[in-house]
Every structure is written in structure tokens, then in C-alpha cells.
Amino acid sequence: MYAVIFKAKEKKLDKEYFETAKKLRELAFSKYNCKDFVAVSEDGLEIAISYWESLEDIKCFKADTQHLVAQELGQSRWYDGYKIEIVEILREYER
């Protein structure tokens, strides 16, 4: 399993941002096999972690036309900057 960690410095999040985020989350689950998605925002910093079964699913989601449009909007309107990390989960457990 893999996780995509998205960290961003927020600029201005408007109504279109929240609508786009909702659509992308639904798209990730319905079309690209996303297993879980968690996002938090505090003091102008957003952190989102999504979980995936394969690197191919991540690659396909990144290349989706809706996601490409959202990336452009993020860069031009919603974020001052961002960082993405893709990590492999080697072990997982819970209590």
C-alpha cells in the first residue's frame, strides 16, 4: 500500500475550492481505487493524506483531466506553495 502526503500553504480557499476538493475526493474513490483520504487545515497549512493500493492508481489519478485542472487552479489561486510525498507503507497495525 502507498500513501500520498500533500502539504500546502494556503492562499485563499473559496467556494470553488471546496466544490473541487469534494469532486476530486469522489473521483479518487470511484475511479482510481483510493482506499482512504484524510485532510486537515490549520493556520494556513493544509495536510492531506490519501491511501492507495498501487503506484499505477496514483499515476492515473494525477493524470486525470479533472485533477489537472484542479492542479492549475491550486497553483494560480489557492496555494502559495505545496509539497507532495509518495511513500510505501511497509507495516500497519492498530489497536
PDB file of N, CA and C in Angstrom:
ATOM      1  N   MET A   1       0.852  -1.173   0.000  1.00  0.00           N
ATOM      2  CA  MET A   1       0.000   0.000   0.000  1.00  0.00           C
ATOM      3  C   MET A   1       0.899   1.238   0.000  1.00  0.00           C
ATOM      4  N   TYR A   2       0.350   2.326  -0.544  1.00  0.00           N
ATOM      5  CA  TYR A   2       1.075   3.583  -0.674  1.00  0.00           C
ATOM      6  C   TYR A   2       0.247   4.726  -0.090  1.00  0.00           C
ATOM      7  N   ALA A   3       0.943   5.775   0.301  1.00  0.00           N
ATOM      8  CA  ALA A   3       0.275   6.988   0.770  1.00  0.00           C
ATOM      9  C   ALA A   3       0.836   8.182   0.003  1.00  0.00           C
ATOM     10  N   VAL A   4      -0.052   9.104  -0.323  1.00  0.00           N
ATOM     11  CA  VAL A   4       0.344  10.373  -0.920  1.00  0.00           C
ATOM     12  C   VAL A   4       0.110  11.434   0.146  1.00  0.00           C
ATOM     13  N   ILE A   5       1.174  12.128   0.498  1.00  0.00           N
ATOM     14  CA  ILE A   5       1.104  13.181   1.512  1.00  0.00           C
ATOM     15  C   ILE A   5       1.212  14.517   0.787  1.00  0.00           C
ATOM     16  N   PHE A   6       0.179  15.317   0.905  1.00  0.00           N
ATOM     17  CA  PHE A   6       0.110  16.620   0.256  1.00  0.00           C
ATOM     18  C   PHE A   6       0.145  17.686   1.343  1.00  0.00           C
ATOM     19  N   LYS A   7       1.148  18.557   1.296  1.00  0.00           N
ATOM     20  CA  LYS A   7       1.267  19.655   2.257  1.00  0.00           C
ATOM     21  C   LYS A   7       1.253  20.955   1.467  1.00  0.00           C
ATOM     22  N   ALA A   8       0.420  21.898   1.882  1.00  0.00           N
ATOM     23  CA  ALA A   8       0.304  23.150   1.125  1.00  0.00           C
ATOM     24  C   ALA A   8       0.158  24.346   2.049  1.00  0.00           C
ATOM     25  N   LYS A   9       0.719  25.467   1.598  1.00  0.00           N
ATOM     26  CA  LYS A   9       0.492  26.753   2.247  1.00  0.00           C
ATOM     27  C   LYS A   9      -0.687  27.391   1.530  1.00  0.00           C
ATOM     28  N   GLU A  10      -1.766  27.581   2.272  1.00  0.00           N
ATOM     29  CA  GLU A  10      -2.986  28.112   1.673  1.00  0.00           C
ATOM     30  C   GLU A  10      -2.856  29.600   1.376  1.00  0.00           C
ATOM     31  N   LYS A  11      -3.432  29.974   0.242  1.00  0.00           N
ATOM     32  CA  LYS A  11      -3.501  31.383  -0.134  1.00  0.00           C
ATOM     33  C   LYS A  11      -4.903  31.878   0.188  1.00  0.00           C
ATOM     34  N   LYS A  12      -5.875  31.475  -0.620  1.00  0.00           N
ATOM     35  CA  LYS A  12      -7.273  31.853  -0.406  1.00  0.00           C
ATOM     36  C   LYS A  12      -8.148  30.719  -0.906  1.00  0.00           C
ATOM     37  N   LEU A  13      -8.858  30.095   0.010  1.00  0.00           N
ATOM     38  CA  LEU A  13      -9.739  28.992  -0.345  1.00  0.00           C
ATOM     39  C   LEU A  13     -11.155  29.528  -0.485  1.00  0.00           C
ATOM     40  N   ASP A  14     -11.698  29.427  -1.692  1.00  0.00           N
ATOM     41  CA  ASP A  14     -13.033  29.947  -1.963  1.00  0.00           C
ATOM     42  C   ASP A  14     -14.024  28.792  -2.144  1.00  0.00           C
ATOM     43  N   LYS A  15     -15.247  29.136  -2.489  1.00  0.00           N
ATOM     44  CA  LYS A  15     -16.299  28.133  -2.663  1.00  0.00           C
ATOM     45  C   LYS A  15     -15.918  27.110  -3.736  1.00  0.00           C
ATOM     46  N   GLU A  16     -15.312  27.577  -4.825  1.00  0.00           N
ATOM     47  CA  GLU A  16     -14.911  26.668  -5.901  1.00  0.00           C
ATOM     48  C   GLU A  16     -13.868  25.656  -5.414  1.00  0.00           C
ATOM     49  N   TYR A  17     -12.998  26.076  -4.514  1.00  0.00           N
ATOM     50  CA  TYR A  17     -12.003  25.161  -3.952  1.00  0.00           C
ATOM     51  C   TYR A  17     -12.703  23.994  -3.262  1.00  0.00           C
ATOM     52  N   PHE A  18     -13.648  24.294  -2.387  1.00  0.00           N
ATOM     53  CA  PHE A  18     -14.316  23.240  -1.617  1.00  0.00           C
ATOM     54  C   PHE A  18     -15.138  22.326  -2.519  1.00  0.00           C
ATOM     55  N   GLU A  19     -15.777  22.873  -3.548  1.00  0.00           N
ATOM     56  CA  GLU A  19     -16.520  22.049  -4.510  1.00  0.00           C
ATOM     57  C   GLU A  19     -15.565  21.141  -5.294  1.00  0.00           C
ATOM     58  N   THR A  20     -14.437  21.693  -5.710  1.00  0.00           N
ATOM     59  CA  THR A  20     -13.448  20.925  -6.467  1.00  0.00           C
ATOM     60  C   THR A  20     -12.845  19.824  -5.605  1.00  0.00           C
ATOM     61  N   ALA A  21     -12.516  20.144  -4.370  1.00  0.00           N
ATOM     62  CA  ALA A  21     -11.942  19.147  -3.460  1.00  0.00           C
ATOM     63  C   ALA A  21     -12.905  17.974  -3.255  1.00  0.00           C
ATOM     64  N   LYS A  22     -14.182  18.281  -3.109  1.00  0.00           N
ATOM     65  CA  LYS A  22     -15.191  17.226  -2.926  1.00  0.00           C
ATOM     66  C   LYS A  22     -15.267  16.332  -4.170  1.00  0.00           C
ATOM     67  N   LYS A  23     -15.287  16.943  -5.345  1.00  0.00           N
ATOM     68  CA  LYS A  23     -15.361  16.170  -6.592  1.00  0.00           C
ATOM     69  C   LYS A  23     -14.129  15.298  -6.780  1.00  0.00           C
ATOM     70  N   LEU A  24     -12.958  15.844  -6.471  1.00  0.00           N
ATOM     71  CA  LEU A  24     -11.733  15.061  -6.633  1.00  0.00           C
ATOM     72  C   LEU A  24     -11.676  13.890  -5.659  1.00  0.00           C
ATOM     73  N   ARG A  25     -12.137  14.113  -4.459  1.00  0.00           N
ATOM     74  CA  ARG A  25     -12.172  13.014  -3.479  1.00  0.00           C
ATOM     75  C   ARG A  25     -13.085  11.897  -3.991  1.00  0.00           C
ATOM     76  N   GLU A  26     -14.268  12.263  -4.459  1.00  0.00           N
ATOM     77  CA  GLU A  26     -15.200  11.266  -5.001  1.00  0.00           C
ATOM     78  C   GLU A  26     -14.598  10.536  -6.197  1.00  0.00           C
ATOM     79  N   LEU A  27     -13.918  11.265  -7.068  1.00  0.00           N
ATOM     80  CA  LEU A  27     -13.267  10.686  -8.240  1.00  0.00           C
ATOM     81  C   LEU A  27     -12.180   9.694  -7.823  1.00  0.00           C
ATOM     82  N   ALA A  28     -11.381  10.067  -6.848  1.00  0.00           N
ATOM     83  CA  ALA A  28     -10.310   9.190  -6.372  1.00  0.00           C
ATOM     84  C   ALA A  28     -10.866   7.856  -5.876  1.00  0.00           C
ATOM     85  N   PHE A  29     -11.965   7.899  -5.145  1.00  0.00           N
ATOM     86  CA  PHE A  29     -12.570   6.669  -4.622  1.00  0.00           C
ATOM     87  C   PHE A  29     -13.263   5.865  -5.720  1.00  0.00           C
ATOM     88  N   SER A  30     -14.027   6.528  -6.561  1.00  0.00           N
ATOM     89  CA  SER A  30     -14.867   5.803  -7.528  1.00  0.00           C
ATOM     90  C   SER A  30     -14.107   5.270  -8.734  1.00  0.00           C
ATOM     91  N   LYS A  31     -13.073   5.983  -9.174  1.00  0.00           N
ATOM     92  CA  LYS A  31     -12.410   5.593 -10.414  1.00  0.00           C
ATOM     93  C   LYS A  31     -10.980   5.085 -10.230  1.00  0.00           C
ATOM     94  N   TYR A  32     -10.312   5.500  -9.161  1.00  0.00           N
ATOM     95  CA  TYR A  32      -8.888   5.202  -9.029  1.00  0.00           C
ATOM     96  C   TYR A  32      -8.519   4.396  -7.789  1.00  0.00           C
ATOM     97  N   ASN A  33      -9.485   3.767  -7.174  1.00  0.00           N
ATOM     98  CA  ASN A  33      -9.239   2.807  -6.088  1.00  0.00           C
ATOM     99  C   ASN A  33      -8.588   3.399  -4.844  1.00  0.00           C
ATOM    100  N   CYS A  34      -8.818   4.669  -4.581  1.00  0.00           N
ATOM    101  CA  CYS A  34      -8.330   5.270  -3.342  1.00  0.00           C
ATOM    102  C   CYS A  34      -8.991   4.532  -2.167  1.00  0.00           C
ATOM    103  N   LYS A  35      -8.204   4.202  -1.153  1.00  0.00           N
ATOM    104  CA  LYS A  35      -8.706   3.426  -0.014  1.00  0.00           C
ATOM    105  C   LYS A  35      -9.142   4.286   1.162  1.00  0.00           C
ATOM    106  N   ASP A  36      -8.501   5.438   1.334  1.00  0.00           N
ATOM    107  CA  ASP A  36      -8.840   6.342   2.434  1.00  0.00           C
ATOM    108  C   ASP A  36      -8.284   7.721   2.100  1.00  0.00           C
ATOM    109  N   PHE A  37      -8.873   8.741   2.695  1.00  0.00           N
ATOM    110  CA  PHE A  37      -8.441  10.112   2.435  1.00  0.00           C
ATOM    111  C   PHE A  37      -8.741  10.940   3.675  1.00  0.00           C
ATOM    112  N   VAL A  38      -7.716  11.586   4.204  1.00  0.00           N
ATOM    113  CA  VAL A  38      -7.852  12.404   5.404  1.00  0.00           C
ATOM    114  C   VAL A  38      -7.206  13.753   5.126  1.00  0.00           C
ATOM    115  N   ALA A  39      -7.882  14.845   5.474  1.00  0.00           N
ATOM    116  CA  ALA A  39      -7.316  16.177   5.266  1.00  0.00           C
ATOM    117  C   ALA A  39      -7.625  17.055   6.472  1.00  0.00           C
ATOM    118  N   VAL A  40      -6.635  17.885   6.836  1.00  0.00           N
ATOM    119  CA  VAL A  40      -6.816  18.853   7.906  1.00  0.00           C
ATOM    120  C   VAL A  40      -6.187  20.177   7.474  1.00  0.00           C
ATOM    121  N   SER A  41      -6.713  21.244   8.044  1.00  0.00           N
ATOM    122  CA  SER A  41      -6.204  22.572   7.731  1.00  0.00           C
ATOM    123  C   SER A  41      -6.134  23.366   9.033  1.00  0.00           C
ATOM    124  N   GLU A  42      -4.985  24.019   9.237  1.00  0.00           N
ATOM    125  CA  GLU A  42      -4.809  24.800  10.453  1.00  0.00           C
ATOM    126  C   GLU A  42      -3.773  25.886  10.204  1.00  0.00           C
ATOM    127  N   ASP A  43      -4.106  27.108  10.594  1.00  0.00           N
ATOM    128  CA  ASP A  43      -3.172  28.244  10.491  1.00  0.00           C
ATOM    129  C   ASP A  43      -2.562  28.385   9.105  1.00  0.00           C
ATOM    130  N   GLY A  44      -3.367  28.223   8.070  1.00  0.00           N
ATOM    131  CA  GLY A  44      -2.892  28.426   6.707  1.00  0.00           C
ATOM    132  C   GLY A  44      -2.112  27.269   6.112  1.00  0.00           C
ATOM    133  N   LEU A  45      -2.084  26.146   6.809  1.00  0.00           N
ATOM    134  CA  LEU A  45      -1.398  24.960   6.308  1.00  0.00           C
ATOM    135  C   LEU A  45      -2.408  23.831   6.128  1.00  0.00           C
ATOM    136  N   GLU A  46      -2.399  23.214   4.958  1.00  0.00           N
ATOM    137  CA  GLU A  46      -3.263  22.071   4.678  1.00  0.00           C
ATOM    138  C   GLU A  46      -2.397  20.830   4.548  1.00  0.00           C
ATOM    139  N   ILE A  47      -2.840  19.748   5.180  1.00  0.00           N
ATOM    140  CA  ILE A  47      -2.179  18.456   5.027  1.00  0.00           C
ATOM    141  C   ILE A  47      -3.256  17.442   4.666  1.00  0.00           C
ATOM    142  N   ALA A  48      -3.029  16.743   3.561  1.00  0.00           N
ATOM    143  CA  ALA A  48      -3.961  15.700   3.122  1.00  0.00           C
ATOM    144  C   ALA A  48      -3.157  14.429   2.884  1.00  0.00           C
ATOM    145  N   ILE A  49      -3.681  13.321   3.373  1.00  0.00           N
ATOM    146  CA  ILE A  49      -3.039  12.030   3.163  1.00  0.00           C
ATOM    147  C   ILE A  49      -4.066  11.103   2.532  1.00  0.00           C
ATOM    148  N   SER A  50      -3.700  10.550   1.392  1.00  0.00           N
ATOM    149  CA  SER A  50      -4.569   9.578   0.734  1.00  0.00           C
ATOM    150  C   SER A  50      -3.821   8.248   0.630  1.00  0.00           C
ATOM    151  N   TYR A  51      -4.585   7.158   0.648  1.00  0.00           N
ATOM    152  CA  TYR A  51      -4.014   5.816   0.666  1.00  0.00           C
ATOM    153  C   TYR A  51      -4.457   5.048  -0.574  1.00  0.00           C
ATOM    154  N   TRP A  52      -3.501   4.345  -1.184  1.00  0.00           N
ATOM    155  CA  TRP A  52      -3.722   3.693  -2.474  1.00  0.00           C
ATOM    156  C   TRP A  52      -3.107   2.302  -2.481  1.00  0.00           C
ATOM    157  N   GLU A  53      -3.692   1.418  -3.274  1.00  0.00           N
ATOM    158  CA  GLU A  53      -3.162   0.066  -3.418  1.00  0.00           C
ATOM    159  C   GLU A  53      -1.950   0.024  -4.342  1.00  0.00           C
ATOM    160  N   SER A  54      -1.895   0.898  -5.341  1.00  0.00           N
ATOM    161  CA  SER A  54      -0.804   0.785  -6.317  1.00  0.00           C
ATOM    162  C   SER A  54      -0.299   2.153  -6.772  1.00  0.00           C
ATOM    163  N   LEU A  55       0.942   2.157  -7.235  1.00  0.00           N
ATOM    164  CA  LEU A  55       1.512   3.366  -7.814  1.00  0.00           C
ATOM    165  C   LEU A  55       0.812   3.715  -9.124  1.00  0.00           C
ATOM    166  N   GLU A  56       0.331   2.710  -9.832  1.00  0.00           N
ATOM    167  CA  GLU A  56      -0.379   2.948 -11.093  1.00  0.00           C
ATOM    168  C   GLU A  56      -1.672   3.732 -10.853  1.00  0.00           C
ATOM    169  N   ASP A  57      -2.404   3.404  -9.790  1.00  0.00           N
ATOM    170  CA  ASP A  57      -3.621   4.158  -9.451  1.00  0.00           C
ATOM    171  C   ASP A  57      -3.281   5.618  -9.162  1.00  0.00           C
ATOM    172  N   ILE A  58      -2.204   5.847  -8.428  1.00  0.00           N
ATOM    173  CA  ILE A  58      -1.775   7.212  -8.113  1.00  0.00           C
ATOM    174  C   ILE A  58      -1.429   7.960  -9.394  1.00  0.00           C
ATOM    175  N   LYS A  59      -0.670   7.310 -10.257  1.00  0.00           N
ATOM    176  CA  LYS A  59      -0.257   7.921 -11.528  1.00  0.00           C
ATOM    177  C   LYS A  59      -1.473   8.276 -12.388  1.00  0.00           C
ATOM    178  N   CYS A  60      -2.428   7.382 -12.473  1.00  0.00           N
ATOM    179  CA  CYS A  60      -3.627   7.631 -13.292  1.00  0.00           C
ATOM    180  C   CYS A  60      -4.469   8.766 -12.712  1.00  0.00           C
ATOM    181  N   PHE A  61      -4.607   8.818 -11.393  1.00  0.00           N
ATOM    182  CA  PHE A  61      -5.356   9.904 -10.770  1.00  0.00           C
ATOM    183  C   PHE A  61      -4.674  11.246 -11.039  1.00  0.00           C
ATOM    184  N   LYS A  62      -3.356  11.281 -10.909  1.00  0.00           N
ATOM    185  CA  LYS A  62      -2.607  12.519 -11.153  1.00  0.00           C
ATOM    186  C   LYS A  62      -2.810  13.022 -12.575  1.00  0.00           C
ATOM    187  N   ALA A  63      -2.960  12.103 -13.539  1.00  0.00           N
ATOM    188  CA  ALA A  63      -3.102  12.471 -14.945  1.00  0.00           C
ATOM    189  C   ALA A  63      -4.544  12.719 -15.376  1.00  0.00           C
ATOM    190  N   ASP A  64      -5.517  12.488 -14.496  1.00  0.00           N
ATOM    191  CA  ASP A  64      -6.922  12.697 -14.838  1.00  0.00           C
ATOM    192  C   ASP A  64      -7.158  14.170 -15.191  1.00  0.00           C
ATOM    193  N   THR A  65      -7.956  14.425 -16.213  1.00  0.00           N
ATOM    194  CA  THR A  65      -8.166  15.802 -16.673  1.00  0.00           C
ATOM    195  C   THR A  65      -8.767  16.701 -15.592  1.00  0.00           C
ATOM    196  N   GLN A  66      -9.693  16.171 -14.781  1.00  0.00           N
ATOM    197  CA  GLN A  66     -10.260  16.982 -13.697  1.00  0.00           C
ATOM    198  C   GLN A  66      -9.179  17.351 -12.675  1.00  0.00           C
ATOM    199  N   HIS A  67      -8.301  16.413 -12.411  1.00  0.00           N
ATOM    200  CA  HIS A  67      -7.221  16.668 -11.463  1.00  0.00           C
ATOM    201  C   HIS A  67      -6.220  17.667 -12.030  1.00  0.00           C
ATOM    202  N   LEU A  68      -5.948  17.590 -13.320  1.00  0.00           N
ATOM    203  CA  LEU A  68      -5.039  18.547 -13.960  1.00  0.00           C
ATOM    204  C   LEU A  68      -5.571  19.971 -13.868  1.00  0.00           C
ATOM    205  N   VAL A  69      -6.869  20.139 -14.075  1.00  0.00           N
ATOM    206  CA  VAL A  69      -7.492  21.465 -13.951  1.00  0.00           C
ATOM    207  C   VAL A  69      -7.371  21.962 -12.510  1.00  0.00           C
ATOM    208  N   ALA A  70      -7.632  21.072 -11.552  1.00  0.00           N
ATOM    209  CA  ALA A  70      -7.533  21.451 -10.141  1.00  0.00           C
ATOM    210  C   ALA A  70      -6.097  21.832  -9.776  1.00  0.00           C
ATOM    211  N   GLN A  71      -5.115  21.137 -10.336  1.00  0.00           N
ATOM    212  CA  GLN A  71      -3.717  21.465 -10.073  1.00  0.00           C
ATOM    213  C   GLN A  71      -3.405  22.888 -10.546  1.00  0.00           C
ATOM    214  N   GLU A  72      -3.881  23.242 -11.733  1.00  0.00           N
ATOM    215  CA  GLU A  72      -3.654  24.589 -12.248  1.00  0.00           C
ATOM    216  C   GLU A  72      -4.298  25.648 -11.361  1.00  0.00           C
ATOM    217  N   LEU A  73      -5.528  25.386 -10.932  1.00  0.00           N
ATOM    218  CA  LEU A  73      -6.215  26.328 -10.043  1.00  0.00           C
ATOM    219  C   LEU A  73      -5.491  26.435  -8.704  1.00  0.00           C
ATOM    220  N   GLY A  74      -5.019  25.298  -8.201  1.00  0.00           N
ATOM    221  CA  GLY A  74      -4.279  25.310  -6.945  1.00  0.00           C
ATOM    222  C   GLY A  74      -3.039  26.181  -7.032  1.00  0.00           C
ATOM    223  N   GLN A  75      -2.315  26.036  -8.134  1.00  0.00           N
ATOM    224  CA  GLN A  75      -1.083  26.806  -8.304  1.00  0.00           C
ATOM    225  C   GLN A  75      -1.352  28.298  -8.500  1.00  0.00           C
ATOM    226  N   SER A  76      -2.427  28.621  -9.212  1.00  0.00           N
ATOM    227  CA  SER A  76      -2.677  30.025  -9.525  1.00  0.00           C
ATOM    228  C   SER A  76      -3.521  30.754  -8.477  1.00  0.00           C
ATOM    229  N   ARG A  77      -4.386  30.032  -7.754  1.00  0.00           N
ATOM    230  CA  ARG A  77      -5.336  30.722  -6.869  1.00  0.00           C
ATOM    231  C   ARG A  77      -5.311  30.293  -5.411  1.00  0.00           C
ATOM    232  N   TRP A  78      -5.169  29.013  -5.151  1.00  0.00           N
ATOM    233  CA  TRP A  78      -5.449  28.517  -3.802  1.00  0.00           C
ATOM    234  C   TRP A  78      -4.234  28.326  -2.914  1.00  0.00           C
ATOM    235  N   TYR A  79      -3.067  28.115  -3.503  1.00  0.00           N
ATOM    236  CA  TYR A  79      -1.890  27.800  -2.687  1.00  0.00           C
ATOM    237  C   TYR A  79      -0.716  28.717  -3.011  1.00  0.00           C
ATOM    238  N   ASP A  80       0.045  29.053  -1.980  1.00  0.00           N
ATOM    239  CA  ASP A  80       1.304  29.767  -2.166  1.00  0.00           C
ATOM    240  C   ASP A  80       2.414  28.784  -2.534  1.00  0.00           C
ATOM    241  N   GLY A  81       2.261  27.565  -2.142  1.00  0.00           N
ATOM    242  CA  GLY A  81       3.229  26.527  -2.454  1.00  0.00           C
ATOM    243  C   GLY A  81       2.749  25.205  -1.900  1.00  0.00           C
ATOM    244  N   TYR A  82       3.328  24.120  -2.399  1.00  0.00           N
ATOM    245  CA  TYR A  82       2.940  22.804  -1.905  1.00  0.00           C
ATOM    246  C   TYR A  82       4.068  21.812  -2.086  1.00  0.00           C
ATOM    247  N   LYS A  83       3.947  20.706  -1.391  1.00  0.00           N
ATOM    248  CA  LYS A  83       4.912  19.615  -1.468  1.00  0.00           C
ATOM    249  C   LYS A  83       4.126  18.316  -1.467  1.00  0.00           C
ATOM    250  N   ILE A  84       4.555  17.373  -2.300  1.00  0.00           N
ATOM    251  CA  ILE A  84       3.905  16.068  -2.371  1.00  0.00           C
ATOM    252  C   ILE A  84       4.950  14.994  -2.132  1.00  0.00           C
ATOM    253  N   GLU A  85       4.613  14.063  -1.268  1.00  0.00           N
ATOM    254  CA  GLU A  85       5.473  12.912  -1.000  1.00  0.00           C
ATOM    255  C   GLU A  85       4.660  11.655  -1.247  1.00  0.00           C
ATOM    256  N   ILE A  86       5.258  10.696  -1.925  1.00  0.00           N
ATOM    257  CA  ILE A  86       4.624   9.396  -2.137  1.00  0.00           C
ATOM    258  C   ILE A  86       5.472   8.379  -1.390  1.00  0.00           C
ATOM    259  N   VAL A  87       4.848   7.670  -0.463  1.00  0.00           N
ATOM    260  CA  VAL A  87       5.582   6.743   0.384  1.00  0.00           C
ATOM    261  C   VAL A  87       4.935   5.362   0.340  1.00  0.00           C
ATOM    262  N   GLU A  88       5.759   4.361   0.539  1.00  0.00           N
ATOM    263  CA  GLU A  88       5.251   2.995   0.628  1.00  0.00           C
ATOM    264  C   GLU A  88       5.060   2.648   2.102  1.00  0.00           C
ATOM    265  N   ILE A  89       3.923   2.071   2.406  1.00  0.00           N
ATOM    266  CA  ILE A  89       3.632   1.661   3.776  1.00  0.00           C
ATOM    267  C   ILE A  89       4.138   0.229   3.934  1.00  0.00           C
ATOM    268  N   LEU A  90       5.113   0.058   4.779  1.00  0.00           N
ATOM    269  CA  LEU A  90       5.734  -1.247   4.953  1.00  0.00           C
ATOM    270  C   LEU A  90       5.029  -2.101   5.989  1.00  0.00           C
ATOM    271  N   ARG A  91       4.427  -1.443   6.959  1.00  0.00           N
ATOM    272  CA  ARG A  91       3.730  -2.173   8.007  1.00  0.00           C
ATOM    273  C   ARG A  91       2.615  -1.288   8.518  1.00  0.00           C
ATOM    274  N   GLU A  92       1.562  -1.944   8.981  1.00  0.00           N
ATOM    275  CA  GLU A  92       0.417  -1.193   9.504  1.00  0.00           C
ATOM    276  C   GLU A  92      -0.228  -2.022  10.604  1.00  0.00           C
ATOM    277  N   TYR A  93      -0.614  -1.365  11.653  1.00  0.00           N
ATOM    278  CA  TYR A  93      -1.339  -2.036  12.720  1.00  0.00           C
ATOM    279  C   TYR A  93      -2.151  -1.008  13.485  1.00  0.00           C
ATOM    280  N   GLU A  94      -3.129  -1.483  14.243  1.00  0.00           N
ATOM    281  CA  GLU A  94      -3.961  -0.578  15.044  1.00  0.00           C
ATOM    282  C   GLU A  94      -4.447  -1.305  16.268  1.00  0.00           C
ATOM    283  N   ARG A  95      -4.914  -0.544  17.222  1.00  0.00           N
ATOM    284  CA  ARG A  95      -5.455  -1.093  18.469  1.00  0.00           C
ATOM    285  C   ARG A  95      -6.903  -0.774  18.584  1.00  0.00           C
TER     286      ARG A  95
END
